[in-house]
Amino acid sequence: MLQTIFSAIAVYISTSIDYLFILLIIFSQAYTQKGLRQIYFGQYLGTRILVAISLFVAYVLNFIP
């Protein structure tokens, strides 16, 4: 179980590297505080949704023999 957790963390970090470049481009085009807030909110909301879906799918897959 611990190995699975560490593998998931490593995969998450490695896939986040390209996401960082996309965020850099988006942040460079935001000129107001409202725009920056929307980017932060969208980033955290999107990440939380992806993590929640992943956890749900992992939970459901435990029941498949």
PDB file of N, CA and C in Angstrom:
ATOM      1  N   MET A   1       0.830  -1.197   0.000  1.00  0.00           N
ATOM      2  CA  MET A   1       0.000   0.000   0.000  1.00  0.00           C
ATOM      3  C   MET A   1       0.873   1.259   0.000  1.00  0.00           C
ATOM      4  N   LEU A   2       1.916   1.231   0.796  1.00  0.00           N
ATOM      5  CA  LEU A   2       2.805   2.383   0.869  1.00  0.00           C
ATOM      6  C   LEU A   2       3.531   2.613  -0.454  1.00  0.00           C
ATOM      7  N   GLN A   3       3.877   1.526  -1.119  1.00  0.00           N
ATOM      8  CA  GLN A   3       4.539   1.637  -2.418  1.00  0.00           C
ATOM      9  C   GLN A   3       3.599   2.273  -3.447  1.00  0.00           C
ATOM     10  N   THR A   4       2.321   1.943  -3.379  1.00  0.00           N
ATOM     11  CA  THR A   4       1.339   2.521  -4.291  1.00  0.00           C
ATOM     12  C   THR A   4       1.201   4.022  -4.059  1.00  0.00           C
ATOM     13  N   ILE A   5       1.208   4.417  -2.804  1.00  0.00           N
ATOM     14  CA  ILE A   5       1.094   5.842  -2.473  1.00  0.00           C
ATOM     15  C   ILE A   5       2.301   6.602  -3.002  1.00  0.00           C
ATOM     16  N   PHE A   6       3.494   6.070  -2.788  1.00  0.00           N
ATOM     17  CA  PHE A   6       4.697   6.747  -3.267  1.00  0.00           C
ATOM     18  C   PHE A   6       4.744   6.789  -4.799  1.00  0.00           C
ATOM     19  N   SER A   7       4.280   5.732  -5.430  1.00  0.00           N
ATOM     20  CA  SER A   7       4.233   5.724  -6.898  1.00  0.00           C
ATOM     21  C   SER A   7       3.260   6.780  -7.409  1.00  0.00           C
ATOM     22  N   ALA A   8       2.114   6.890  -6.748  1.00  0.00           N
ATOM     23  CA  ALA A   8       1.120   7.893  -7.152  1.00  0.00           C
ATOM     24  C   ALA A   8       1.667   9.303  -6.985  1.00  0.00           C
ATOM     25  N   ILE A   9       2.376   9.545  -5.909  1.00  0.00           N
ATOM     26  CA  ILE A   9       2.975  10.871  -5.684  1.00  0.00           C
ATOM     27  C   ILE A   9       4.016  11.177  -6.756  1.00  0.00           C
ATOM     28  N   ALA A  10       4.845  10.195  -7.090  1.00  0.00           N
ATOM     29  CA  ALA A  10       5.874  10.402  -8.117  1.00  0.00           C
ATOM     30  C   ALA A  10       5.254  10.677  -9.477  1.00  0.00           C
ATOM     31  N   VAL A  11       4.201   9.963  -9.817  1.00  0.00           N
ATOM     32  CA  VAL A  11       3.532  10.182 -11.102  1.00  0.00           C
ATOM     33  C   VAL A  11       2.877  11.555 -11.129  1.00  0.00           C
ATOM     34  N   TYR A  12       2.252  11.931 -10.026  1.00  0.00           N
ATOM     35  CA  TYR A  12       1.603  13.241  -9.945  1.00  0.00           C
ATOM     36  C   TYR A  12       2.618  14.367 -10.133  1.00  0.00           C
ATOM     37  N   ILE A  13       3.748  14.264  -9.486  1.00  0.00           N
ATOM     38  CA  ILE A  13       4.780  15.299  -9.600  1.00  0.00           C
ATOM     39  C   ILE A  13       5.347  15.345 -11.021  1.00  0.00           C
ATOM     40  N   SER A  14       5.598  14.193 -11.604  1.00  0.00           N
ATOM     41  CA  SER A  14       6.186  14.184 -12.947  1.00  0.00           C
ATOM     42  C   SER A  14       5.223  14.732 -14.004  1.00  0.00           C
ATOM     43  N   THR A  15       3.932  14.497 -13.831  1.00  0.00           N
ATOM     44  CA  THR A  15       2.980  15.040 -14.798  1.00  0.00           C
ATOM     45  C   THR A  15       2.670  16.505 -14.535  1.00  0.00           C
ATOM     46  N   SER A  16       2.997  16.971 -13.358  1.00  0.00           N
ATOM     47  CA  SER A  16       2.738  18.376 -13.035  1.00  0.00           C
ATOM     48  C   SER A  16       3.768  19.320 -13.647  1.00  0.00           C
ATOM     49  N   ILE A  17       4.860  18.778 -14.133  1.00  0.00           N
ATOM     50  CA  ILE A  17       5.897  19.628 -14.704  1.00  0.00           C
ATOM     51  C   ILE A  17       5.384  20.331 -15.965  1.00  0.00           C
ATOM     52  N   ASP A  18       4.686  19.614 -16.830  1.00  0.00           N
ATOM     53  CA  ASP A  18       4.150  20.269 -18.023  1.00  0.00           C
ATOM     54  C   ASP A  18       3.012  21.225 -17.658  1.00  0.00           C
ATOM     55  N   TYR A  19       2.279  20.896 -16.618  1.00  0.00           N
ATOM     56  CA  TYR A  19       1.214  21.772 -16.129  1.00  0.00           C
ATOM     57  C   TYR A  19       1.796  23.106 -15.646  1.00  0.00           C
ATOM     58  N   LEU A  20       2.998  23.062 -15.109  1.00  0.00           N
ATOM     59  CA  LEU A  20       3.672  24.278 -14.643  1.00  0.00           C
ATOM     60  C   LEU A  20       3.917  25.238 -15.797  1.00  0.00           C
ATOM     61  N   PHE A  21       4.340  24.725 -16.923  1.00  0.00           N
ATOM     62  CA  PHE A  21       4.582  25.593 -18.081  1.00  0.00           C
ATOM     63  C   PHE A  21       3.286  26.211 -18.613  1.00  0.00           C
ATOM     64  N   ILE A  22       2.221  25.434 -18.593  1.00  0.00           N
ATOM     65  CA  ILE A  22       0.929  25.978 -19.017  1.00  0.00           C
ATOM     66  C   ILE A  22       0.499  27.098 -18.080  1.00  0.00           C
ATOM     67  N   LEU A  23       0.683  26.893 -16.770  1.00  0.00           N
ATOM     68  CA  LEU A  23       0.324  27.944 -15.809  1.00  0.00           C
ATOM     69  C   LEU A  23       1.181  29.192 -15.984  1.00  0.00           C
ATOM     70  N   LEU A  24       2.446  29.011 -16.306  1.00  0.00           N
ATOM     71  CA  LEU A  24       3.306  30.171 -16.551  1.00  0.00           C
ATOM     72  C   LEU A  24       2.783  31.012 -17.712  1.00  0.00           C
ATOM     73  N   ILE A  25       2.340  30.365 -18.754  1.00  0.00           N
ATOM     74  CA  ILE A  25       1.778  31.089 -19.904  1.00  0.00           C
ATOM     75  C   ILE A  25       0.496  31.807 -19.511  1.00  0.00           C
ATOM     76  N   ILE A  26      -0.369  31.125 -18.774  1.00  0.00           N
ATOM     77  CA  ILE A  26      -1.634  31.742 -18.365  1.00  0.00           C
ATOM     78  C   ILE A  26      -1.385  32.914 -17.422  1.00  0.00           C
ATOM     79  N   PHE A  27      -0.474  32.747 -16.454  1.00  0.00           N
ATOM     80  CA  PHE A  27      -0.170  33.843 -15.522  1.00  0.00           C
ATOM     81  C   PHE A  27       0.444  35.045 -16.241  1.00  0.00           C
ATOM     82  N   SER A  28       1.184  34.796 -17.293  1.00  0.00           N
ATOM     83  CA  SER A  28       1.797  35.918 -18.004  1.00  0.00           C
ATOM     84  C   SER A  28       0.766  36.767 -18.732  1.00  0.00           C
ATOM     85  N   GLN A  29      -0.429  36.224 -18.955  1.00  0.00           N
ATOM     86  CA  GLN A  29      -1.474  36.963 -19.654  1.00  0.00           C
ATOM     87  C   GLN A  29      -2.491  37.588 -18.709  1.00  0.00           C
ATOM     88  N   ALA A  30      -2.345  37.383 -17.408  1.00  0.00           N
ATOM     89  CA  ALA A  30      -3.276  37.965 -16.438  1.00  0.00           C
ATOM     90  C   ALA A  30      -2.743  39.328 -16.008  1.00  0.00           C
ATOM     91  N   TYR A  31      -3.578  40.353 -16.175  1.00  0.00           N
ATOM     92  CA  TYR A  31      -3.130  41.706 -15.875  1.00  0.00           C
ATOM     93  C   TYR A  31      -3.793  42.311 -14.650  1.00  0.00           C
ATOM     94  N   THR A  32      -4.819  41.671 -14.112  1.00  0.00           N
ATOM     95  CA  THR A  32      -5.526  42.234 -12.964  1.00  0.00           C
ATOM     96  C   THR A  32      -5.510  41.236 -11.810  1.00  0.00           C
ATOM     97  N   GLN A  33      -5.838  41.743 -10.626  1.00  0.00           N
ATOM     98  CA  GLN A  33      -5.921  40.878  -9.449  1.00  0.00           C
ATOM     99  C   GLN A  33      -7.052  39.876  -9.605  1.00  0.00           C
ATOM    100  N   LYS A  34      -8.145  40.309 -10.219  1.00  0.00           N
ATOM    101  CA  LYS A  34      -9.272  39.414 -10.426  1.00  0.00           C
ATOM    102  C   LYS A  34      -8.865  38.252 -11.339  1.00  0.00           C
ATOM    103  N   GLY A  35      -8.109  38.546 -12.361  1.00  0.00           N
ATOM    104  CA  GLY A  35      -7.632  37.502 -13.257  1.00  0.00           C
ATOM    105  C   GLY A  35      -6.726  36.510 -12.551  1.00  0.00           C
ATOM    106  N   LEU A  36      -5.868  37.027 -11.686  1.00  0.00           N
ATOM    107  CA  LEU A  36      -4.981  36.144 -10.926  1.00  0.00           C
ATOM    108  C   LEU A  36      -5.774  35.260  -9.982  1.00  0.00           C
ATOM    109  N   ARG A  37      -6.776  35.837  -9.317  1.00  0.00           N
ATOM    110  CA  ARG A  37      -7.626  35.052  -8.411  1.00  0.00           C
ATOM    111  C   ARG A  37      -8.358  33.946  -9.164  1.00  0.00           C
ATOM    112  N   GLN A  38      -8.836  34.261 -10.350  1.00  0.00           N
ATOM    113  CA  GLN A  38      -9.543  33.251 -11.135  1.00  0.00           C
ATOM    114  C   GLN A  38      -8.612  32.111 -11.549  1.00  0.00           C
ATOM    115  N   ILE A  39      -7.382  32.437 -11.854  1.00  0.00           N
ATOM    116  CA  ILE A  39      -6.413  31.403 -12.215  1.00  0.00           C
ATOM    117  C   ILE A  39      -6.124  30.511 -11.015  1.00  0.00           C
ATOM    118  N   TYR A  40      -5.876  31.127  -9.855  1.00  0.00           N
ATOM    119  CA  TYR A  40      -5.631  30.338  -8.641  1.00  0.00           C
ATOM    120  C   TYR A  40      -6.821  29.450  -8.309  1.00  0.00           C
ATOM    121  N   PHE A  41      -8.014  30.014  -8.359  1.00  0.00           N
ATOM    122  CA  PHE A  41      -9.214  29.254  -8.044  1.00  0.00           C
ATOM    123  C   PHE A  41      -9.399  28.102  -9.024  1.00  0.00           C
ATOM    124  N   GLY A  42      -9.228  28.355 -10.289  1.00  0.00           N
ATOM    125  CA  GLY A  42      -9.375  27.309 -11.296  1.00  0.00           C
ATOM    126  C   GLY A  42      -8.344  26.212 -11.139  1.00  0.00           C
ATOM    127  N   GLN A  43      -7.132  26.600 -10.797  1.00  0.00           N
ATOM    128  CA  GLN A  43      -6.068  25.617 -10.601  1.00  0.00           C
ATOM    129  C   GLN A  43      -6.401  24.688  -9.442  1.00  0.00           C
ATOM    130  N   TYR A  44      -6.767  25.257  -8.304  1.00  0.00           N
ATOM    131  CA  TYR A  44      -7.062  24.440  -7.135  1.00  0.00           C
ATOM    132  C   TYR A  44      -8.335  23.622  -7.319  1.00  0.00           C
ATOM    133  N   LEU A  45      -9.335  24.199  -7.931  1.00  0.00           N
ATOM    134  CA  LEU A  45     -10.572  23.460  -8.172  1.00  0.00           C
ATOM    135  C   LEU A  45     -10.330  22.290  -9.119  1.00  0.00           C
ATOM    136  N   GLY A  46      -9.619  22.537 -10.199  1.00  0.00           N
ATOM    137  CA  GLY A  46      -9.329  21.472 -11.158  1.00  0.00           C
ATOM    138  C   GLY A  46      -8.504  20.357 -10.550  1.00  0.00           C
ATOM    139  N   THR A  47      -7.506  20.706  -9.762  1.00  0.00           N
ATOM    140  CA  THR A  47      -6.670  19.697  -9.122  1.00  0.00           C
ATOM    141  C   THR A  47      -7.479  18.872  -8.132  1.00  0.00           C
ATOM    142  N   ARG A  48      -8.315  19.529  -7.360  1.00  0.00           N
ATOM    143  CA  ARG A  48      -9.138  18.796  -6.384  1.00  0.00           C
ATOM    144  C   ARG A  48     -10.118  17.856  -7.073  1.00  0.00           C
ATOM    145  N   ILE A  49     -10.695  18.286  -8.161  1.00  0.00           N
ATOM    146  CA  ILE A  49     -11.617  17.421  -8.895  1.00  0.00           C
ATOM    147  C   ILE A  49     -10.886  16.196  -9.442  1.00  0.00           C
ATOM    148  N   LEU A  50      -9.720  16.410 -10.026  1.00  0.00           N
ATOM    149  CA  LEU A  50      -8.946  15.284 -10.564  1.00  0.00           C
ATOM    150  C   LEU A  50      -8.536  14.303  -9.478  1.00  0.00           C
ATOM    151  N   VAL A  51      -8.120  14.812  -8.325  1.00  0.00           N
ATOM    152  CA  VAL A  51      -7.727  13.940  -7.218  1.00  0.00           C
ATOM    153  C   VAL A  51      -8.941  13.179  -6.688  1.00  0.00           C
ATOM    154  N   ALA A  52     -10.071  13.853  -6.562  1.00  0.00           N
ATOM    155  CA  ALA A  52     -11.283  13.190  -6.063  1.00  0.00           C
ATOM    156  C   ALA A  52     -11.728  12.082  -7.007  1.00  0.00           C
ATOM    157  N   ILE A  53     -11.717  12.342  -8.292  1.00  0.00           N
ATOM    158  CA  ILE A  53     -12.100  11.310  -9.267  1.00  0.00           C
ATOM    159  C   ILE A  53     -11.124  10.137  -9.208  1.00  0.00           C
ATOM    160  N   SER A  54      -9.844  10.426  -9.111  1.00  0.00           N
ATOM    161  CA  SER A  54      -8.838   9.365  -9.045  1.00  0.00           C
ATOM    162  C   SER A  54      -9.021   8.502  -7.803  1.00  0.00           C
ATOM    163  N   LEU A  55      -9.291   9.131  -6.669  1.00  0.00           N
ATOM    164  CA  LEU A  55      -9.507   8.364  -5.446  1.00  0.00           C
ATOM    165  C   LEU A  55     -10.765   7.506  -5.541  1.00  0.00           C
ATOM    166  N   PHE A  56     -11.815   8.055  -6.125  1.00  0.00           N
ATOM    167  CA  PHE A  56     -13.043   7.300  -6.286  1.00  0.00           C
ATOM    168  C   PHE A  56     -12.830   6.093  -7.192  1.00  0.00           C
ATOM    169  N   VAL A  57     -12.156   6.284  -8.308  1.00  0.00           N
ATOM    170  CA  VAL A  57     -11.902   5.180  -9.236  1.00  0.00           C
ATOM    171  C   VAL A  57     -11.012   4.125  -8.582  1.00  0.00           C
ATOM    172  N   ALA A  58     -10.008   4.552  -7.828  1.00  0.00           N
ATOM    173  CA  ALA A  58      -9.147   3.594  -7.129  1.00  0.00           C
ATOM    174  C   ALA A  58      -9.948   2.798  -6.107  1.00  0.00           C
ATOM    175  N   TYR A  59     -10.877   3.440  -5.426  1.00  0.00           N
ATOM    176  CA  TYR A  59     -11.718   2.759  -4.451  1.00  0.00           C
ATOM    177  C   TYR A  59     -12.619   1.731  -5.130  1.00  0.00           C
ATOM    178  N   VAL A  60     -13.222   2.112  -6.250  1.00  0.00           N
ATOM    179  CA  VAL A  60     -14.112   1.210  -6.979  1.00  0.00           C
ATOM    180  C   VAL A  60     -13.319   0.024  -7.548  1.00  0.00           C
ATOM    181  N   LEU A  61     -12.129   0.282  -8.028  1.00  0.00           N
ATOM    182  CA  LEU A  61     -11.312  -0.798  -8.616  1.00  0.00           C
ATOM    183  C   LEU A  61     -10.887  -1.831  -7.583  1.00  0.00           C
ATOM    184  N   ASN A  62     -10.894  -1.477  -6.315  1.00  0.00           N
ATOM    185  CA  ASN A  62     -10.568  -2.463  -5.277  1.00  0.00           C
ATOM    186  C   ASN A  62     -11.615  -3.562  -5.187  1.00  0.00           C
ATOM    187  N   PHE A  63     -12.827  -3.313  -5.666  1.00  0.00           N
ATOM    188  CA  PHE A  63     -13.892  -4.304  -5.586  1.00  0.00           C
ATOM    189  C   PHE A  63     -13.928  -5.236  -6.796  1.00  0.00           C
ATOM    190  N   ILE A  64     -13.180  -4.918  -7.821  1.00  0.00           N
ATOM    191  CA  ILE A  64     -13.141  -5.778  -9.008  1.00  0.00           C
ATOM    192  C   ILE A  64     -12.107  -6.869  -8.786  1.00  0.00           C
ATOM    193  N   PRO A  65     -12.531  -8.114  -8.918  1.00  0.00           N
ATOM    194  CA  PRO A  65     -11.575  -9.223  -8.644  1.00  0.00           C
ATOM    195  C   PRO A  65     -10.520  -9.364  -9.710  1.00  0.00           C
TER     196      PRO A  65
END
